[in-house]
Amino acid sequence: MIVEFQRLKDIENDRIKLNWNLQRTLAKVNYHIHKDAIKENLIPVQLTKLQISFVYANEADMLNVALFGKTAQQWRMQNPDAEGNIRDNATIEQLVVLSNMESIKTEKPA
């Protein structure tokens, strides 16, 4: 009975992991769309590469603070031993919200 219970838990964990991987992939795709929208709409031609990187970082931090309540840097300082970044450690629900936020941010106002 214990072996069967463990087998069922393993199947459940695999399904949860697959759902998380799918949501993380979706979040990464939306990130690229969001990044392109930033490039097209928020970055003046005269900025240096360093200044451009700050624009992208600020936009990412704005979403991170809205969703997680902290920037990526703050998360790294609080989780020095964690693998990946703040988004890699997000729940499925957080990734869905993040994808939606990034998608909404790419829309031009009417």
C-alpha atoms as a PDB file:
ATOM      1  CA  MET A   1       0.000   0.000   0.000  1.00  0.00           C
ATOM      2  CA  ILE A   2       2.858   2.397   0.808  1.00  0.00           C
ATOM      3  CA  VAL A   3       4.517   1.664  -2.539  1.00  0.00           C
ATOM      4  CA  GLU A   4       1.258   2.332  -4.378  1.00  0.00           C
ATOM      5  CA  PHE A   5       0.719   5.579  -2.462  1.00  0.00           C
ATOM      6  CA  GLN A   6       4.246   6.723  -3.348  1.00  0.00           C
ATOM      7  CA  ARG A   7       3.655   5.815  -6.998  1.00  0.00           C
ATOM      8  CA  LEU A   8       0.475   7.916  -7.064  1.00  0.00           C
ATOM      9  CA  LYS A   9       2.244  10.841  -5.387  1.00  0.00           C
ATOM     10  CA  ASP A  10       5.030  10.623  -7.971  1.00  0.00           C
ATOM     11  CA  ILE A  11       2.474  10.765 -10.797  1.00  0.00           C
ATOM     12  CA  GLU A  12       0.788  13.760  -9.167  1.00  0.00           C
ATOM     13  CA  ASN A  13       4.125  15.553  -8.704  1.00  0.00           C
ATOM     14  CA  ASP A  14       5.068  14.893 -12.341  1.00  0.00           C
ATOM     15  CA  ARG A  15       1.772  16.418 -13.495  1.00  0.00           C
ATOM     16  CA  ILE A  16       2.279  19.488 -11.301  1.00  0.00           C
ATOM     17  CA  LYS A  17       5.843  19.871 -12.565  1.00  0.00           C
ATOM     18  CA  LEU A  18       4.666  19.605 -16.182  1.00  0.00           C
ATOM     19  CA  ASN A  19       2.020  22.305 -15.586  1.00  0.00           C
ATOM     20  CA  TRP A  20       4.630  24.551 -13.956  1.00  0.00           C
ATOM     21  CA  ASN A  21       7.056  24.043 -16.869  1.00  0.00           C
ATOM     22  CA  LEU A  22       4.313  24.924 -19.334  1.00  0.00           C
ATOM     23  CA  GLN A  23       3.438  28.100 -17.438  1.00  0.00           C
ATOM     24  CA  ARG A  24       7.109  29.070 -17.102  1.00  0.00           C
ATOM     25  CA  THR A  25       7.558  28.640 -20.860  1.00  0.00           C
ATOM     26  CA  LEU A  26       4.494  30.796 -21.472  1.00  0.00           C
ATOM     27  CA  ALA A  27       5.885  33.450 -19.123  1.00  0.00           C
ATOM     28  CA  LYS A  28       9.200  33.405 -21.009  1.00  0.00           C
ATOM     29  CA  VAL A  29       7.432  33.842 -24.358  1.00  0.00           C
ATOM     30  CA  ASN A  30       5.400  36.741 -22.983  1.00  0.00           C
ATOM     31  CA  TYR A  31       8.610  38.226 -21.587  1.00  0.00           C
ATOM     32  CA  HIS A  32      10.061  38.414 -25.098  1.00  0.00           C
ATOM     33  CA  ILE A  33       6.893  40.064 -26.404  1.00  0.00           C
ATOM     34  CA  HIS A  34       7.011  42.506 -23.477  1.00  0.00           C
ATOM     35  CA  LYS A  35      10.695  43.210 -24.117  1.00  0.00           C
ATOM     36  CA  ASP A  36       9.992  43.963 -27.790  1.00  0.00           C
ATOM     37  CA  ALA A  37       7.194  46.343 -26.794  1.00  0.00           C
ATOM     38  CA  ILE A  38       9.564  48.155 -24.420  1.00  0.00           C
ATOM     39  CA  LYS A  39      12.130  48.444 -27.213  1.00  0.00           C
ATOM     40  CA  GLU A  40       9.582  49.842 -29.663  1.00  0.00           C
ATOM     41  CA  ASN A  41       7.785  52.222 -27.301  1.00  0.00           C
ATOM     42  CA  LEU A  42       9.970  53.235 -24.348  1.00  0.00           C
ATOM     43  CA  ILE A  43      13.567  53.393 -25.496  1.00  0.00           C
ATOM     44  CA  PRO A  44      14.709  56.602 -27.177  1.00  0.00           C
ATOM     45  CA  VAL A  45      17.361  56.214 -29.870  1.00  0.00           C
ATOM     46  CA  GLN A  46      19.923  58.342 -28.022  1.00  0.00           C
ATOM     47  CA  LEU A  47      20.262  56.041 -24.974  1.00  0.00           C
ATOM     48  CA  THR A  48      23.459  54.107 -24.340  1.00  0.00           C
ATOM     49  CA  LYS A  49      23.460  50.331 -23.914  1.00  0.00           C
ATOM     50  CA  LEU A  50      23.790  50.777 -20.147  1.00  0.00           C
ATOM     51  CA  GLN A  51      20.837  53.157 -20.034  1.00  0.00           C
ATOM     52  CA  ILE A  52      18.786  50.753 -22.144  1.00  0.00           C
ATOM     53  CA  SER A  53      19.536  47.927 -19.727  1.00  0.00           C
ATOM     54  CA  PHE A  54      18.195  50.109 -16.896  1.00  0.00           C
ATOM     55  CA  VAL A  55      14.944  50.672 -18.796  1.00  0.00           C
ATOM     56  CA  TYR A  56      14.449  46.907 -19.170  1.00  0.00           C
ATOM     57  CA  ALA A  57      15.410  46.290 -15.530  1.00  0.00           C
ATOM     58  CA  ASN A  58      13.018  48.972 -14.283  1.00  0.00           C
ATOM     59  CA  GLU A  59      10.139  47.507 -16.270  1.00  0.00           C
ATOM     60  CA  ALA A  60      10.904  44.010 -14.955  1.00  0.00           C
ATOM     61  CA  ASP A  61      11.213  45.322 -11.391  1.00  0.00           C
ATOM     62  CA  MET A  62       7.864  47.078 -11.696  1.00  0.00           C
ATOM     63  CA  LEU A  63       6.188  43.769 -12.563  1.00  0.00           C
ATOM     64  CA  ASN A  64       8.136  41.883  -9.889  1.00  0.00           C
ATOM     65  CA  VAL A  65       7.155  44.363  -7.183  1.00  0.00           C
ATOM     66  CA  ALA A  66       3.520  44.301  -8.287  1.00  0.00           C
ATOM     67  CA  LEU A  67       3.402  40.500  -8.253  1.00  0.00           C
ATOM     68  CA  PHE A  68       5.953  39.379  -5.674  1.00  0.00           C
ATOM     69  CA  GLY A  69       6.269  42.507  -3.533  1.00  0.00           C
ATOM     70  CA  LYS A  70      10.020  42.763  -4.199  1.00  0.00           C
ATOM     71  CA  THR A  71      12.560  43.286  -6.929  1.00  0.00           C
ATOM     72  CA  ALA A  72      14.636  40.446  -8.364  1.00  0.00           C
ATOM     73  CA  GLN A  73      17.685  41.794  -6.527  1.00  0.00           C
ATOM     74  CA  GLN A  74      15.837  41.856  -3.195  1.00  0.00           C
ATOM     75  CA  TRP A  75      14.662  38.278  -3.803  1.00  0.00           C
ATOM     76  CA  ARG A  76      18.224  37.126  -4.587  1.00  0.00           C
ATOM     77  CA  MET A  77      19.491  38.724  -1.374  1.00  0.00           C
ATOM     78  CA  GLN A  78      16.771  36.939   0.621  1.00  0.00           C
ATOM     79  CA  ASN A  79      17.317  33.607  -1.183  1.00  0.00           C
ATOM     80  CA  PRO A  80      21.068  33.311  -1.806  1.00  0.00           C
ATOM     81  CA  ASP A  81      21.021  29.514  -2.043  1.00  0.00           C
ATOM     82  CA  ALA A  82      18.010  29.230  -4.352  1.00  0.00           C
ATOM     83  CA  GLU A  83      18.464  27.912  -7.869  1.00  0.00           C
ATOM     84  CA  GLY A  84      17.256  30.154 -10.650  1.00  0.00           C
ATOM     85  CA  ASN A  85      15.646  33.540 -10.271  1.00  0.00           C
ATOM     86  CA  ILE A  86      12.482  34.918  -8.706  1.00  0.00           C
ATOM     87  CA  ARG A  87      10.372  33.910 -11.701  1.00  0.00           C
ATOM     88  CA  ASP A  88      11.888  30.420 -11.840  1.00  0.00           C
ATOM     89  CA  ASN A  89      10.677  29.945  -8.274  1.00  0.00           C
ATOM     90  CA  ALA A  90       7.175  31.324  -8.835  1.00  0.00           C
ATOM     91  CA  THR A  91       4.029  29.254  -8.402  1.00  0.00           C
ATOM     92  CA  ILE A  92       1.834  28.312 -11.344  1.00  0.00           C
ATOM     93  CA  GLU A  93      -0.668  30.953 -10.272  1.00  0.00           C
ATOM     94  CA  GLN A  94       2.007  33.634 -10.101  1.00  0.00           C
ATOM     95  CA  LEU A  95       3.275  32.702 -13.561  1.00  0.00           C
ATOM     96  CA  VAL A  96      -0.239  32.994 -14.993  1.00  0.00           C
ATOM     97  CA  VAL A  97      -0.628  36.445 -13.453  1.00  0.00           C
ATOM     98  CA  LEU A  98       2.844  37.446 -14.680  1.00  0.00           C
ATOM     99  CA  SER A  99       2.032  36.339 -18.218  1.00  0.00           C
ATOM    100  CA  ASN A 100      -1.179  38.339 -18.133  1.00  0.00           C
ATOM    101  CA  MET A 101       0.575  41.418 -16.740  1.00  0.00           C
ATOM    102  CA  GLU A 102       3.252  41.261 -19.427  1.00  0.00           C
ATOM    103  CA  SER A 103       0.634  40.798 -22.103  1.00  0.00           C
ATOM    104  CA  ILE A 104      -1.380  43.784 -20.886  1.00  0.00           C
ATOM    105  CA  LYS A 105       1.765  45.939 -20.703  1.00  0.00           C
ATOM    106  CA  THR A 106       2.418  45.327 -24.412  1.00  0.00           C
ATOM    107  CA  GLU A 107      -0.923  46.808 -25.468  1.00  0.00           C
ATOM    108  CA  LYS A 108      -0.956  50.400 -26.618  1.00  0.00           C
ATOM    109  CA  PRO A 109      -3.500  52.633 -24.877  1.00  0.00           C
ATOM    110  CA  ALA A 110      -6.532  53.559 -26.937  1.00  0.00           C
END
